Amino acid sequence: MNPSVSGRPVGAGASPPPLRSPQVVRATAIVAFGVSVLAGMLAAFLMHLLFGSAGRAGFEDINLGGLLELLGFVLVFSYALLWTRQWFSLPISTLLSFGLETPPAAKLFAVKLEEFSPSNLEMGQSIAVLREQGQAIGLFDGLRDRTLEWGSVPKASGDVAVTELRGLLSKHPFVIIADGDTVHGVITQEMFIHGFWRGGISK
């Protein structure tokens, strides 16, 4: 095995979208839910005008106009929720809870990694961080018997929402959670598939 660190930067030439923190995901969910409610209310109001203000959603008395108002609100509100969830890439639990249930930070779920110097790579059996003079310089993947330059390793900050890793994990077998030379650990594609965070990352 050649112990030299090699590799090509992942996604060279492309600018991936920034990964959001739990606070940003919460704020986005609040906006998306509010937009959906307003869309539903607008649909109900239009039905209200169409039937000569006789509806009031059927709560005062059962009438066709009121039932159509209620139906219009439910349909438009539901469709708006689906559209905003897809558009803003939101976890369904965060959206439906109006931002109350927020995905936690990725560093809370990262599995700790071993650390070696390039001179003793043979000691590693799985994924390990390569350090030289205290700095992370690469990653040893013992499962595939290869090394990667630190710049080519798929990484995410420890403060990003764990559900934001969906895009990276759909392209890479693992993502290293790190802030500079501080490595919190790894989150793997297998963890993603099995829904390690209450099913939230895989749904």
N, C-alpha and C. Protein backbone atom coordinates (compact mmCIF):
# COMPACT_ATOMS: atom_id res chain seq x y z
N MET A 1 0.85 -1.20 0.00
CA MET A 1 0.00 0.00 0.00
C MET A 1 0.88 1.24 0.00
N ASN A 2 0.54 2.17 -0.80
CA ASN A 2 1.27 3.43 -0.85
C ASN A 2 0.72 4.37 0.21
N PRO A 3 1.54 4.75 1.23
CA PRO A 3 1.02 5.55 2.33
C PRO A 3 0.88 7.02 2.01
N SER A 4 1.27 7.44 0.81
CA SER A 4 1.18 8.85 0.47
C SER A 4 -0.29 9.27 0.36
N VAL A 5 -0.54 10.48 0.77
CA VAL A 5 -1.90 10.99 0.74
C VAL A 5 -2.18 11.54 -0.65
N SER A 6 -3.26 11.08 -1.25
CA SER A 6 -3.60 11.54 -2.59
C SER A 6 -5.08 11.77 -2.67
N GLY A 7 -5.49 12.42 -3.77
CA GLY A 7 -6.92 12.62 -3.94
C GLY A 7 -7.20 13.86 -4.75
N ARG A 8 -8.44 14.02 -5.17
CA ARG A 8 -8.89 15.16 -5.95
C ARG A 8 -10.02 15.84 -5.21
N PRO A 9 -10.02 17.16 -5.15
CA PRO A 9 -11.08 17.83 -4.41
C PRO A 9 -12.45 17.41 -4.88
N VAL A 10 -13.32 17.09 -3.94
CA VAL A 10 -14.67 16.66 -4.26
C VAL A 10 -15.47 17.84 -4.76
N GLY A 11 -16.18 17.63 -5.87
CA GLY A 11 -17.03 18.68 -6.39
C GLY A 11 -16.27 19.87 -6.92
N ALA A 12 -15.04 19.66 -7.43
CA ALA A 12 -14.27 20.76 -7.97
C ALA A 12 -15.01 21.44 -9.10
N GLY A 13 -15.02 22.76 -9.06
CA GLY A 13 -15.69 23.52 -10.10
C GLY A 13 -17.15 23.78 -9.81
N ALA A 14 -17.70 23.16 -8.72
CA ALA A 14 -19.10 23.35 -8.38
C ALA A 14 -19.20 24.04 -7.03
N SER A 15 -20.27 24.78 -6.82
CA SER A 15 -20.50 25.46 -5.57
C SER A 15 -21.75 24.87 -4.91
N PRO A 16 -21.56 23.92 -3.99
CA PRO A 16 -22.72 23.32 -3.34
C PRO A 16 -23.43 24.34 -2.47
N PRO A 17 -24.73 24.18 -2.29
CA PRO A 17 -25.46 25.12 -1.44
C PRO A 17 -24.96 25.05 -0.01
N PRO A 18 -24.95 26.18 0.70
CA PRO A 18 -24.48 26.17 2.09
C PRO A 18 -25.40 25.33 2.97
N LEU A 19 -24.79 24.63 3.91
CA LEU A 19 -25.56 23.81 4.84
C LEU A 19 -26.06 24.69 5.98
N ARG A 20 -27.30 24.48 6.37
CA ARG A 20 -27.94 25.36 7.35
C ARG A 20 -27.81 24.83 8.78
N SER A 21 -27.77 25.76 9.71
CA SER A 21 -27.75 25.41 11.12
C SER A 21 -29.17 25.07 11.57
N PRO A 22 -29.33 24.42 12.75
CA PRO A 22 -30.68 24.14 13.25
C PRO A 22 -31.53 25.40 13.40
N GLN A 23 -30.91 26.52 13.78
CA GLN A 23 -31.66 27.77 13.94
C GLN A 23 -32.21 28.27 12.60
N VAL A 24 -31.41 28.13 11.55
CA VAL A 24 -31.85 28.58 10.22
C VAL A 24 -32.95 27.65 9.71
N VAL A 25 -32.82 26.35 9.97
CA VAL A 25 -33.86 25.40 9.55
C VAL A 25 -35.17 25.74 10.26
N ARG A 26 -35.09 26.06 11.56
CA ARG A 26 -36.30 26.43 12.31
C ARG A 26 -36.94 27.68 11.72
N ALA A 27 -36.15 28.71 11.47
CA ALA A 27 -36.68 29.96 10.92
C ALA A 27 -37.31 29.73 9.55
N THR A 28 -36.68 28.90 8.73
CA THR A 28 -37.22 28.60 7.41
C THR A 28 -38.54 27.85 7.51
N ALA A 29 -38.64 26.93 8.47
CA ALA A 29 -39.88 26.17 8.66
C ALA A 29 -41.02 27.09 9.10
N ILE A 30 -40.71 28.06 9.97
CA ILE A 30 -41.73 29.01 10.41
C ILE A 30 -42.26 29.82 9.23
N VAL A 31 -41.34 30.28 8.38
CA VAL A 31 -41.74 31.05 7.20
C VAL A 31 -42.58 30.18 6.26
N ALA A 32 -42.12 28.95 6.02
CA ALA A 32 -42.83 28.05 5.10
C ALA A 32 -44.23 27.73 5.62
N PHE A 33 -44.35 27.47 6.93
CA PHE A 33 -45.66 27.17 7.50
C PHE A 33 -46.57 28.40 7.41
N GLY A 34 -46.02 29.58 7.68
CA GLY A 34 -46.81 30.81 7.58
C GLY A 34 -47.31 31.06 6.17
N VAL A 35 -46.44 30.83 5.19
CA VAL A 35 -46.84 30.99 3.79
C VAL A 35 -47.97 30.04 3.43
N SER A 36 -47.88 28.80 3.93
CA SER A 36 -48.92 27.80 3.65
C SER A 36 -50.26 28.20 4.26
N VAL A 37 -50.22 28.72 5.48
CA VAL A 37 -51.46 29.16 6.13
C VAL A 37 -52.08 30.33 5.36
N LEU A 38 -51.26 31.29 4.97
CA LEU A 38 -51.76 32.44 4.21
C LEU A 38 -52.37 32.01 2.88
N ALA A 39 -51.72 31.04 2.21
CA ALA A 39 -52.25 30.54 0.94
C ALA A 39 -53.61 29.89 1.15
N GLY A 40 -53.74 29.10 2.21
CA GLY A 40 -55.02 28.47 2.50
C GLY A 40 -56.10 29.48 2.85
N MET A 41 -55.75 30.51 3.62
CA MET A 41 -56.72 31.54 3.98
C MET A 41 -57.16 32.34 2.76
N LEU A 42 -56.21 32.59 1.85
CA LEU A 42 -56.55 33.31 0.63
C LEU A 42 -57.54 32.50 -0.21
N ALA A 43 -57.30 31.19 -0.31
CA ALA A 43 -58.22 30.33 -1.07
C ALA A 43 -59.61 30.33 -0.44
N ALA A 44 -59.66 30.26 0.90
CA ALA A 44 -60.95 30.28 1.59
C ALA A 44 -61.65 31.62 1.39
N PHE A 45 -60.89 32.71 1.41
CA PHE A 45 -61.48 34.04 1.22
C PHE A 45 -62.06 34.19 -0.18
N LEU A 46 -61.35 33.66 -1.17
CA LEU A 46 -61.85 33.73 -2.55
C LEU A 46 -63.16 32.94 -2.68
N MET A 47 -63.22 31.78 -2.04
CA MET A 47 -64.46 31.02 -2.06
C MET A 47 -65.57 31.77 -1.32
N HIS A 48 -65.20 32.46 -0.26
CA HIS A 48 -66.15 33.26 0.51
C HIS A 48 -66.76 34.35 -0.36
N LEU A 49 -65.92 35.03 -1.15
CA LEU A 49 -66.41 36.08 -2.05
C LEU A 49 -67.25 35.49 -3.18
N LEU A 50 -66.85 34.33 -3.66
CA LEU A 50 -67.55 33.70 -4.78
C LEU A 50 -69.00 33.35 -4.42
N PHE A 51 -69.22 32.98 -3.16
CA PHE A 51 -70.56 32.59 -2.74
C PHE A 51 -71.28 33.69 -1.96
N GLY A 52 -70.91 34.93 -2.23
CA GLY A 52 -71.64 36.06 -1.67
C GLY A 52 -71.56 36.17 -0.16
N SER A 53 -70.41 35.87 0.40
CA SER A 53 -70.18 36.00 1.84
C SER A 53 -71.16 35.18 2.68
N ALA A 54 -71.61 34.06 2.17
CA ALA A 54 -72.57 33.25 2.90
C ALA A 54 -71.94 32.02 3.55
N GLY A 55 -70.62 31.91 3.43
CA GLY A 55 -70.01 30.66 3.83
C GLY A 55 -69.65 30.54 5.29
N ARG A 56 -68.62 31.25 5.73
CA ARG A 56 -68.06 31.15 7.07
C ARG A 56 -67.67 29.72 7.41
N ALA A 57 -67.18 29.01 6.41
CA ALA A 57 -66.65 27.65 6.55
C ALA A 57 -67.66 26.65 7.08
N GLY A 58 -68.95 27.00 7.07
CA GLY A 58 -69.98 26.05 7.48
C GLY A 58 -70.08 25.88 8.98
N PHE A 59 -69.45 26.75 9.79
CA PHE A 59 -69.49 26.58 11.23
C PHE A 59 -70.76 27.18 11.85
N GLU A 60 -71.32 28.23 11.25
CA GLU A 60 -72.57 28.79 11.78
C GLU A 60 -73.75 27.93 11.38
N ASP A 61 -73.79 27.56 10.13
CA ASP A 61 -74.80 26.62 9.66
C ASP A 61 -74.21 25.85 8.48
N ILE A 62 -74.68 24.67 8.27
CA ILE A 62 -74.15 23.84 7.18
C ILE A 62 -74.65 24.39 5.86
N ASN A 63 -73.72 24.80 5.00
CA ASN A 63 -74.09 25.31 3.69
C ASN A 63 -72.98 25.00 2.71
N LEU A 64 -73.33 24.98 1.45
CA LEU A 64 -72.38 24.59 0.41
C LEU A 64 -71.19 25.54 0.37
N GLY A 65 -71.47 26.84 0.45
CA GLY A 65 -70.38 27.81 0.38
C GLY A 65 -69.38 27.62 1.51
N GLY A 66 -69.90 27.38 2.71
CA GLY A 66 -69.01 27.18 3.85
C GLY A 66 -68.16 25.93 3.71
N LEU A 67 -68.77 24.86 3.24
CA LEU A 67 -68.01 23.62 3.06
C LEU A 67 -66.94 23.77 2.00
N LEU A 68 -67.25 24.53 0.93
CA LEU A 68 -66.25 24.77 -0.12
C LEU A 68 -65.12 25.65 0.39
N GLU A 69 -65.46 26.61 1.27
CA GLU A 69 -64.41 27.42 1.89
C GLU A 69 -63.45 26.53 2.67
N LEU A 70 -64.01 25.66 3.49
CA LEU A 70 -63.18 24.77 4.30
C LEU A 70 -62.36 23.82 3.43
N LEU A 71 -63.00 23.28 2.40
CA LEU A 71 -62.30 22.38 1.49
C LEU A 71 -61.17 23.10 0.76
N GLY A 72 -61.45 24.34 0.32
CA GLY A 72 -60.43 25.13 -0.37
C GLY A 72 -59.22 25.39 0.53
N PHE A 73 -59.51 25.73 1.81
CA PHE A 73 -58.40 25.98 2.74
C PHE A 73 -57.56 24.72 2.93
N VAL A 74 -58.21 23.59 3.18
CA VAL A 74 -57.48 22.35 3.46
C VAL A 74 -56.63 21.93 2.27
N LEU A 75 -57.21 21.98 1.07
CA LEU A 75 -56.48 21.54 -0.12
C LEU A 75 -55.30 22.45 -0.41
N VAL A 76 -55.53 23.76 -0.40
CA VAL A 76 -54.45 24.69 -0.72
C VAL A 76 -53.38 24.68 0.37
N PHE A 77 -53.80 24.63 1.61
CA PHE A 77 -52.85 24.57 2.72
C PHE A 77 -51.98 23.32 2.63
N SER A 78 -52.59 22.18 2.35
CA SER A 78 -51.85 20.92 2.25
C SER A 78 -50.87 20.95 1.07
N TYR A 79 -51.34 21.44 -0.08
CA TYR A 79 -50.47 21.51 -1.25
C TYR A 79 -49.32 22.48 -0.99
N ALA A 80 -49.62 23.60 -0.33
CA ALA A 80 -48.57 24.58 -0.04
C ALA A 80 -47.53 24.00 0.90
N LEU A 81 -47.96 23.19 1.87
CA LEU A 81 -47.00 22.53 2.77
C LEU A 81 -46.07 21.62 1.99
N LEU A 82 -46.63 20.82 1.08
CA LEU A 82 -45.81 19.92 0.27
C LEU A 82 -44.83 20.70 -0.60
N TRP A 83 -45.32 21.79 -1.19
CA TRP A 83 -44.48 22.58 -2.09
C TRP A 83 -43.36 23.28 -1.33
N THR A 84 -43.70 23.90 -0.19
CA THR A 84 -42.67 24.61 0.58
C THR A 84 -41.67 23.64 1.18
N ARG A 85 -42.13 22.44 1.57
CA ARG A 85 -41.19 21.46 2.11
C ARG A 85 -40.16 21.06 1.06
N GLN A 86 -40.63 20.85 -0.17
CA GLN A 86 -39.71 20.47 -1.24
C GLN A 86 -38.82 21.65 -1.64
N TRP A 87 -39.40 22.83 -1.73
CA TRP A 87 -38.65 24.00 -2.18
C TRP A 87 -37.55 24.37 -1.19
N PHE A 88 -37.88 24.33 0.11
CA PHE A 88 -36.92 24.72 1.14
C PHE A 88 -36.16 23.54 1.74
N SER A 89 -36.43 22.32 1.25
CA SER A 89 -35.76 21.10 1.73
C SER A 89 -35.84 21.01 3.26
N LEU A 90 -37.05 20.89 3.77
CA LEU A 90 -37.28 20.89 5.21
C LEU A 90 -37.68 19.50 5.72
N PRO A 91 -37.24 19.14 6.91
CA PRO A 91 -37.76 17.91 7.54
C PRO A 91 -39.25 18.09 7.82
N ILE A 92 -40.04 17.08 7.55
CA ILE A 92 -41.48 17.21 7.70
C ILE A 92 -41.87 17.48 9.15
N SER A 93 -41.13 16.89 10.11
CA SER A 93 -41.46 17.11 11.51
C SER A 93 -41.23 18.57 11.92
N THR A 94 -40.19 19.19 11.38
CA THR A 94 -39.91 20.59 11.70
C THR A 94 -40.95 21.50 11.08
N LEU A 95 -41.37 21.20 9.87
CA LEU A 95 -42.36 22.02 9.18
C LEU A 95 -43.73 21.93 9.87
N LEU A 96 -44.18 20.72 10.16
CA LEU A 96 -45.51 20.54 10.73
C LEU A 96 -45.59 21.02 12.18
N SER A 97 -44.45 21.06 12.88
CA SER A 97 -44.45 21.55 14.26
C SER A 97 -44.21 23.05 14.35
N PHE A 98 -44.23 23.73 13.19
CA PHE A 98 -44.01 25.19 13.14
C PHE A 98 -42.64 25.55 13.72
N GLY A 99 -41.66 24.68 13.45
CA GLY A 99 -40.30 24.93 13.88
C GLY A 99 -39.99 24.53 15.31
N LEU A 100 -40.97 23.96 16.02
CA LEU A 100 -40.73 23.59 17.42
C LEU A 100 -39.81 22.37 17.53
N GLU A 101 -39.97 21.42 16.63
CA GLU A 101 -39.10 20.24 16.63
C GLU A 101 -38.01 20.45 15.59
N THR A 102 -36.85 20.85 16.06
CA THR A 102 -35.75 21.22 15.18
C THR A 102 -34.69 20.13 15.16
N PRO A 103 -34.14 19.79 13.98
CA PRO A 103 -33.06 18.79 13.94
C PRO A 103 -31.83 19.29 14.69
N PRO A 104 -31.19 18.44 15.47
CA PRO A 104 -30.00 18.86 16.22
C PRO A 104 -28.77 19.00 15.35
N ALA A 105 -27.70 19.47 15.96
CA ALA A 105 -26.44 19.67 15.24
C ALA A 105 -25.79 18.33 14.92
N ALA A 106 -25.09 18.27 13.78
CA ALA A 106 -24.49 17.02 13.31
C ALA A 106 -23.44 16.48 14.27
N LYS A 107 -22.72 17.36 14.97
CA LYS A 107 -21.64 16.89 15.83
C LYS A 107 -22.14 16.03 16.99
N LEU A 108 -23.44 16.14 17.31
CA LEU A 108 -24.00 15.35 18.39
C LEU A 108 -24.15 13.88 18.01
N PHE A 109 -24.13 13.57 16.70
CA PHE A 109 -24.33 12.20 16.23
C PHE A 109 -23.10 11.62 15.55
N ALA A 110 -22.04 12.42 15.40
CA ALA A 110 -20.84 11.94 14.72
C ALA A 110 -20.13 10.88 15.56
N VAL A 111 -19.73 9.79 14.92
CA VAL A 111 -19.00 8.71 15.58
C VAL A 111 -17.51 9.07 15.60
N LYS A 112 -16.90 8.97 16.77
CA LYS A 112 -15.50 9.32 16.93
C LYS A 112 -14.60 8.48 16.02
N LEU A 113 -13.50 9.10 15.55
CA LEU A 113 -12.55 8.43 14.66
C LEU A 113 -11.20 8.27 15.34
N GLU A 114 -10.49 7.22 14.92
CA GLU A 114 -9.09 7.07 15.34
C GLU A 114 -8.24 8.09 14.59
N GLU A 115 -7.08 8.37 15.15
CA GLU A 115 -6.16 9.31 14.51
C GLU A 115 -4.76 8.69 14.47
N PHE A 116 -4.09 8.82 13.29
CA PHE A 116 -2.75 8.27 13.10
C PHE A 116 -1.88 9.29 12.39
N SER A 117 -0.60 9.03 12.42
CA SER A 117 0.32 9.79 11.58
C SER A 117 0.53 8.98 10.30
N PRO A 118 0.96 9.63 9.20
CA PRO A 118 1.14 8.89 7.93
C PRO A 118 2.10 7.72 8.04
N SER A 119 2.97 7.70 9.08
CA SER A 119 3.98 6.64 9.19
C SER A 119 3.43 5.34 9.77
N ASN A 120 2.24 5.36 10.39
CA ASN A 120 1.71 4.12 10.96
C ASN A 120 0.30 3.83 10.46
N LEU A 121 0.10 3.98 9.16
CA LEU A 121 -1.21 3.74 8.55
C LEU A 121 -1.66 2.29 8.71
N GLU A 122 -0.68 1.35 8.78
CA GLU A 122 -1.04 -0.05 8.83
C GLU A 122 -1.82 -0.39 10.10
N MET A 123 -1.84 0.51 11.08
CA MET A 123 -2.56 0.26 12.31
C MET A 123 -4.07 0.48 12.14
N GLY A 124 -4.45 1.22 11.12
CA GLY A 124 -5.86 1.53 10.95
C GLY A 124 -6.62 0.40 10.28
N GLN A 125 -7.81 0.14 10.78
CA GLN A 125 -8.65 -0.90 10.23
C GLN A 125 -9.88 -0.34 9.51
N SER A 126 -10.23 0.90 9.80
CA SER A 126 -11.40 1.50 9.15
C SER A 126 -11.07 2.94 8.79
N ILE A 127 -11.96 3.86 9.08
CA ILE A 127 -11.71 5.26 8.75
C ILE A 127 -10.93 5.91 9.88
N ALA A 128 -9.88 6.63 9.53
CA ALA A 128 -9.05 7.30 10.53
C ALA A 128 -8.54 8.61 9.98
N VAL A 129 -8.34 9.57 10.87
CA VAL A 129 -7.81 10.88 10.49
C VAL A 129 -6.28 10.81 10.50
N LEU A 130 -5.67 11.36 9.48
CA LEU A 130 -4.21 11.44 9.42
C LEU A 130 -3.78 12.83 9.87
N ARG A 131 -2.89 12.87 10.84
CA ARG A 131 -2.41 14.15 11.37
C ARG A 131 -0.89 14.23 11.27
N GLU A 132 -0.43 15.44 11.08
CA GLU A 132 1.00 15.72 11.05
C GLU A 132 1.22 17.05 11.76
N GLN A 133 1.98 16.99 12.84
CA GLN A 133 2.24 18.16 13.68
C GLN A 133 0.94 18.80 14.16
N GLY A 134 -0.01 17.96 14.52
CA GLY A 134 -1.27 18.43 15.07
C GLY A 134 -2.31 18.85 14.06
N GLN A 135 -1.96 18.90 12.78
CA GLN A 135 -2.90 19.32 11.76
C GLN A 135 -3.44 18.12 10.98
N ALA A 136 -4.73 18.17 10.68
CA ALA A 136 -5.34 17.12 9.85
C ALA A 136 -4.87 17.31 8.41
N ILE A 137 -4.23 16.27 7.85
CA ILE A 137 -3.71 16.37 6.48
C ILE A 137 -4.39 15.40 5.52
N GLY A 138 -5.15 14.46 6.06
CA GLY A 138 -5.80 13.50 5.17
C GLY A 138 -6.67 12.54 5.94
N LEU A 139 -7.20 11.58 5.20
CA LEU A 139 -8.10 10.58 5.78
C LEU A 139 -7.70 9.22 5.24
N PHE A 140 -7.58 8.25 6.15
CA PHE A 140 -7.28 6.88 5.76
C PHE A 140 -8.58 6.07 5.77
N ASP A 141 -8.91 5.48 4.63
CA ASP A 141 -10.10 4.65 4.50
C ASP A 141 -9.64 3.20 4.44
N GLY A 142 -9.57 2.55 5.61
CA GLY A 142 -9.10 1.18 5.67
C GLY A 142 -10.01 0.19 4.99
N LEU A 143 -11.28 0.52 4.85
CA LEU A 143 -12.22 -0.38 4.20
C LEU A 143 -11.94 -0.50 2.71
N ARG A 144 -11.45 0.60 2.11
CA ARG A 144 -11.14 0.59 0.68
C ARG A 144 -9.63 0.66 0.42
N ASP A 145 -8.84 0.63 1.51
CA ASP A 145 -7.39 0.65 1.42
C ASP A 145 -6.90 1.82 0.56
N ARG A 146 -7.29 3.01 0.97
CA ARG A 146 -6.89 4.20 0.23
C ARG A 146 -6.74 5.37 1.20
N THR A 147 -6.06 6.40 0.74
CA THR A 147 -5.93 7.63 1.52
C THR A 147 -6.44 8.80 0.68
N LEU A 148 -6.93 9.81 1.36
CA LEU A 148 -7.45 11.00 0.68
C LEU A 148 -6.84 12.25 1.29
N GLU A 149 -6.57 13.22 0.45
CA GLU A 149 -6.15 14.52 0.96
C GLU A 149 -7.29 15.13 1.75
N TRP A 150 -6.95 15.92 2.76
CA TRP A 150 -7.98 16.52 3.61
C TRP A 150 -8.92 17.42 2.81
N GLY A 151 -8.38 18.07 1.78
CA GLY A 151 -9.21 18.94 0.96
C GLY A 151 -10.21 18.19 0.10
N SER A 152 -9.99 16.90 -0.14
CA SER A 152 -10.90 16.12 -0.98
C SER A 152 -11.88 15.29 -0.18
N VAL A 153 -11.80 15.39 1.14
CA VAL A 153 -12.70 14.62 2.01
C VAL A 153 -14.04 15.36 2.13
N PRO A 154 -15.17 14.66 1.93
CA PRO A 154 -16.48 15.31 2.13
C PRO A 154 -16.65 15.68 3.60
N LYS A 155 -16.81 16.96 3.87
CA LYS A 155 -16.86 17.44 5.25
C LYS A 155 -18.05 18.37 5.45
N ALA A 156 -18.45 18.49 6.71
CA ALA A 156 -19.48 19.45 7.10
C ALA A 156 -19.15 19.94 8.49
N SER A 157 -19.54 21.16 8.78
CA SER A 157 -19.31 21.74 10.10
C SER A 157 -20.15 21.01 11.16
N GLY A 158 -19.65 20.98 12.37
CA GLY A 158 -20.38 20.33 13.44
C GLY A 158 -21.66 21.04 13.83
N ASP A 159 -21.78 22.31 13.44
CA ASP A 159 -22.96 23.10 13.83
C ASP A 159 -24.09 23.06 12.82
N VAL A 160 -23.92 22.34 11.71
CA VAL A 160 -25.01 22.26 10.74
C VAL A 160 -26.08 21.30 11.25
N ALA A 161 -27.31 21.50 10.82
CA ALA A 161 -28.38 20.58 11.19
C ALA A 161 -28.11 19.21 10.58
N VAL A 162 -28.34 18.16 11.35
CA VAL A 162 -28.01 16.82 10.89
C VAL A 162 -28.77 16.45 9.62
N THR A 163 -29.97 16.97 9.43
CA THR A 163 -30.76 16.65 8.24
C THR A 163 -30.19 17.29 6.98
N GLU A 164 -29.30 18.28 7.14
CA GLU A 164 -28.69 18.95 5.99
C GLU A 164 -27.68 18.06 5.29
N LEU A 165 -27.33 16.94 5.88
CA LEU A 165 -26.32 16.04 5.30
C LEU A 165 -26.90 15.14 4.22
N ARG A 166 -28.21 15.22 4.00
CA ARG A 166 -28.86 14.35 3.02
C ARG A 166 -28.17 14.42 1.65
N GLY A 167 -27.92 15.63 1.15
CA GLY A 167 -27.32 15.78 -0.18
C GLY A 167 -25.93 15.18 -0.26
N LEU A 168 -25.08 15.45 0.74
CA LEU A 168 -23.72 14.92 0.75
C LEU A 168 -23.72 13.40 0.84
N LEU A 169 -24.59 12.86 1.70
CA LEU A 169 -24.60 11.41 1.90
C LEU A 169 -25.25 10.66 0.74
N SER A 170 -25.93 11.36 -0.14
CA SER A 170 -26.46 10.71 -1.34
C SER A 170 -25.37 10.55 -2.40
N LYS A 171 -24.24 11.26 -2.19
CA LYS A 171 -23.14 11.21 -3.16
C LYS A 171 -21.88 10.54 -2.61
N HIS A 172 -21.75 10.49 -1.29
CA HIS A 172 -20.55 9.95 -0.67
C HIS A 172 -20.91 8.92 0.39
N PRO A 173 -20.05 7.92 0.61
CA PRO A 173 -20.35 6.89 1.61
C PRO A 173 -20.30 7.40 3.05
N PHE A 174 -19.63 8.53 3.26
CA PHE A 174 -19.55 9.10 4.60
C PHE A 174 -19.26 10.60 4.50
N VAL A 175 -19.51 11.29 5.59
CA VAL A 175 -19.18 12.71 5.71
C VAL A 175 -18.45 12.91 7.03
N ILE A 176 -17.30 13.58 6.97
CA ILE A 176 -16.55 13.89 8.17
C ILE A 176 -17.11 15.18 8.78
N ILE A 177 -17.40 15.15 10.06
CA ILE A 177 -17.91 16.32 10.76
C ILE A 177 -16.72 16.98 11.46
N ALA A 178 -16.35 18.16 10.98
CA ALA A 178 -15.15 18.81 11.50
C ALA A 178 -15.27 20.33 11.39
N ASP A 179 -14.58 21.00 12.29
CA ASP A 179 -14.42 22.45 12.25
C ASP A 179 -12.94 22.74 12.29
N GLY A 180 -12.38 23.02 11.12
CA GLY A 180 -10.94 23.20 11.02
C GLY A 180 -10.22 21.89 11.31
N ASP A 181 -9.26 21.93 12.26
CA ASP A 181 -8.53 20.72 12.64
C ASP A 181 -9.22 19.96 13.76
N THR A 182 -10.34 20.48 14.25
CA THR A 182 -11.11 19.77 15.27
C THR A 182 -12.09 18.82 14.58
N VAL A 183 -11.83 17.53 14.68
CA VAL A 183 -12.66 16.52 14.03
C VAL A 183 -13.60 15.92 15.06
N HIS A 184 -14.89 16.11 14.85
CA HIS A 184 -15.89 15.59 15.78
C HIS A 184 -16.17 14.11 15.53
N GLY A 185 -16.05 13.67 14.28
CA GLY A 185 -16.30 12.27 13.96
C GLY A 185 -16.83 12.10 12.54
N VAL A 186 -17.51 11.00 12.30
CA VAL A 186 -18.00 10.67 10.97
C VAL A 186 -19.48 10.27 11.05
N ILE A 187 -20.23 10.62 10.01
CA ILE A 187 -21.59 10.13 9.82
C ILE A 187 -21.61 9.41 8.48
N THR A 188 -22.04 8.16 8.48
CA THR A 188 -21.95 7.33 7.28
C THR A 188 -23.29 7.24 6.55
N GLN A 189 -23.19 6.77 5.33
CA GLN A 189 -24.38 6.57 4.51
C GLN A 189 -25.29 5.51 5.14
N GLU A 190 -24.68 4.51 5.78
CA GLU A 190 -25.46 3.46 6.43
C GLU A 190 -26.30 4.04 7.57
N MET A 191 -25.72 4.97 8.31
CA MET A 191 -26.47 5.65 9.36
C MET A 191 -27.64 6.42 8.76
N PHE A 192 -27.40 7.03 7.61
CA PHE A 192 -28.45 7.78 6.91
C PHE A 192 -29.60 6.87 6.50
N ILE A 193 -29.26 5.72 5.91
CA ILE A 193 -30.27 4.79 5.41
C ILE A 193 -31.14 4.26 6.55
N HIS A 194 -30.52 3.99 7.69
CA HIS A 194 -31.26 3.43 8.81
C HIS A 194 -31.91 4.50 9.68
N GLY A 195 -31.81 5.75 9.26
CA GLY A 195 -32.49 6.80 9.97
C GLY A 195 -32.05 6.94 11.41
N PHE A 196 -30.74 7.24 11.63
CA PHE A 196 -30.19 7.24 12.97
C PHE A 196 -30.77 8.35 13.84
N TRP A 197 -31.28 9.43 13.24
CA TRP A 197 -31.88 10.49 14.05
C TRP A 197 -33.40 10.41 13.96
N ARG A 198 -33.97 9.50 14.73
CA ARG A 198 -35.42 9.34 14.82
C ARG A 198 -36.07 9.24 13.45
N GLY A 199 -35.32 8.74 12.44
CA GLY A 199 -35.86 8.62 11.09
C GLY A 199 -35.84 9.90 10.32
N GLY A 200 -35.45 11.01 10.97
CA GLY A 200 -35.57 12.32 10.33
C GLY A 200 -34.64 12.55 9.16
N ILE A 201 -33.44 11.94 9.22
CA ILE A 201 -32.49 12.23 8.15
C ILE A 201 -32.83 11.47 6.87
N SER A 202 -33.57 10.38 6.97
CA SER A 202 -33.86 9.57 5.79
C SER A 202 -35.29 9.77 5.28
N LYS A 203 -35.98 10.77 5.79
CA LYS A 203 -37.36 11.00 5.37
C LYS A 203 -37.53 12.43 4.91
